[in-house]
Amino acid sequence: MTTITLYYFDGCPSWTHAWRDLGTVLAETGLDATVRLRDVMQLSDEERRGFGGSPTVHVDGVDLEGYTGEGVLACRRYAENGGQGWPSLELWRARLGGAGARSVRDADR
């Protein structure tokens, strides 16, 4: 089972867009996943390692864009999405499609 964690803090509202798009892609793919929403302000400094700004998404512990730096308490921009504050649907599909996803249509057969 895939584990997806969306890290955020309230000072950057783009996380709600990322959360909505995650739901869209999960519905499309039928991916069997555990999904967690984590407020980084409730985490220890050690737990914030690898937080590349709000929102940051980890799939099975790996950042969606591959960020591995120090924790950054700032609003994140996704270059692949034209600098928007959330990942594109295409990035979601690319990363989650290879995580054991099966289509809803296949699940109905």
Protein backbone atom coordinates (compact mmCIF):
# COMPACT_ATOMS: atom_id res chain seq x y z
CA MET A 1 0.00 0.00 0.00
CA THR A 2 1.24 3.46 -0.90
CA THR A 3 1.54 6.14 1.78
CA ILE A 4 0.98 9.75 0.73
CA THR A 5 1.65 12.57 3.19
CA LEU A 6 0.76 16.18 2.44
CA TYR A 7 2.67 18.56 4.73
CA TYR A 8 1.42 22.12 5.07
CA PHE A 9 1.02 25.13 7.32
CA ASP A 10 -1.90 27.54 7.38
CA GLY A 11 0.16 30.54 6.28
CA CYS A 12 0.21 29.17 2.72
CA PRO A 13 -3.29 28.49 1.40
CA SER A 14 -2.15 26.58 -1.71
CA TRP A 15 -2.18 23.32 0.24
CA THR A 16 -5.98 23.17 -0.13
CA HIS A 17 -5.60 23.15 -3.93
CA ALA A 18 -3.02 20.34 -3.67
CA TRP A 19 -5.32 18.40 -1.33
CA ARG A 20 -8.24 18.69 -3.76
CA ASP A 21 -6.11 17.64 -6.74
CA LEU A 22 -4.76 14.67 -4.79
CA GLY A 23 -8.35 13.50 -4.26
CA THR A 24 -9.06 13.90 -7.97
CA VAL A 25 -6.07 11.79 -9.01
CA LEU A 26 -6.74 9.12 -6.39
CA ALA A 27 -10.31 8.80 -7.69
CA GLU A 28 -9.01 8.52 -11.27
CA THR A 29 -6.36 5.90 -10.54
CA GLY A 30 -8.05 3.83 -7.85
CA LEU A 31 -4.71 3.74 -6.02
CA ASP A 32 -4.85 1.88 -2.71
CA ALA A 33 -3.21 4.46 -0.46
CA THR A 34 -3.02 5.71 3.08
CA VAL A 35 -3.26 9.51 2.96
CA ARG A 36 -2.07 11.76 5.77
CA LEU A 37 -2.44 15.52 6.20
CA ARG A 38 0.25 16.91 8.53
CA ASP A 39 0.54 20.46 9.89
CA VAL A 40 4.31 21.07 10.10
CA MET A 41 3.81 23.52 12.94
CA GLN A 42 2.85 20.49 15.05
CA LEU A 43 6.06 18.60 14.17
CA SER A 44 9.49 18.60 15.75
CA ASP A 45 12.47 20.15 13.96
CA GLU A 46 13.66 16.65 13.06
CA GLU A 47 10.28 15.74 11.56
CA ARG A 48 10.42 18.92 9.43
CA ARG A 49 13.55 17.73 7.61
CA GLY A 50 12.81 17.51 3.92
CA PHE A 51 9.87 19.91 4.16
CA GLY A 52 10.37 21.96 1.00
CA GLY A 53 7.70 24.53 1.83
CA SER A 54 3.92 24.41 1.96
CA PRO A 55 2.60 22.22 0.49
CA THR A 56 5.13 19.40 0.39
CA VAL A 57 4.02 15.94 -0.68
CA HIS A 58 5.83 12.70 0.09
CA VAL A 59 4.90 9.45 -1.65
CA ASP A 60 6.28 6.52 0.33
CA GLY A 61 8.65 8.96 2.04
CA VAL A 62 9.98 10.56 -1.17
CA ASP A 63 9.24 14.17 -2.11
CA LEU A 64 7.02 14.53 -5.18
CA GLU A 65 9.69 16.66 -6.91
CA GLY A 66 12.67 14.98 -5.25
CA TYR A 67 13.46 17.77 -2.75
CA THR A 68 16.01 16.59 -0.16
CA GLY A 69 17.15 19.83 1.46
CA GLU A 70 16.60 21.30 4.88
CA GLY A 71 13.15 22.18 6.16
CA VAL A 72 11.87 25.48 4.76
CA LEU A 73 9.02 27.36 6.44
CA ALA A 74 7.86 29.18 3.33
CA CYS A 75 5.25 28.85 0.62
CA ARG A 76 6.40 26.37 -2.00
CA ARG A 77 6.32 27.01 -5.74
CA TYR A 78 6.19 24.17 -8.25
CA ALA A 79 8.27 25.12 -11.28
CA GLU A 80 6.72 22.33 -13.35
CA ASN A 81 3.32 23.97 -12.78
CA GLY A 82 4.34 27.42 -13.97
CA GLY A 83 5.34 28.57 -10.48
CA GLN A 84 1.94 27.82 -8.92
CA GLY A 85 1.86 26.86 -5.25
CA TRP A 86 0.74 23.28 -5.90
CA PRO A 87 1.78 20.37 -8.12
CA SER A 88 0.14 20.01 -11.52
CA LEU A 89 -2.32 17.21 -12.17
CA GLU A 90 0.25 15.83 -14.63
CA LEU A 91 2.90 15.56 -11.90
CA TRP A 92 0.42 13.89 -9.55
CA ARG A 93 -0.52 11.40 -12.27
CA ALA A 94 3.09 10.68 -13.19
CA ARG A 95 4.19 10.05 -9.59
CA LEU A 96 1.10 8.19 -8.40
CA GLY A 97 0.58 6.25 -11.62
CA GLY A 98 3.82 4.40 -10.99
CA ALA A 99 2.97 3.69 -7.35
CA GLY A 100 0.91 0.57 -7.93
CA ALA A 101 -2.13 2.39 -9.28
CA ARG A 102 -4.84 0.62 -11.17
CA SER A 103 -7.59 2.32 -13.05
CA VAL A 104 -11.13 2.41 -11.70
CA ARG A 105 -12.27 0.74 -14.94
CA ASP A 106 -9.86 -2.19 -14.32
CA ALA A 107 -11.13 -2.51 -10.74
CA ASP A 108 -14.68 -2.97 -12.05
CA ARG A 109 -13.76 -5.99 -14.19
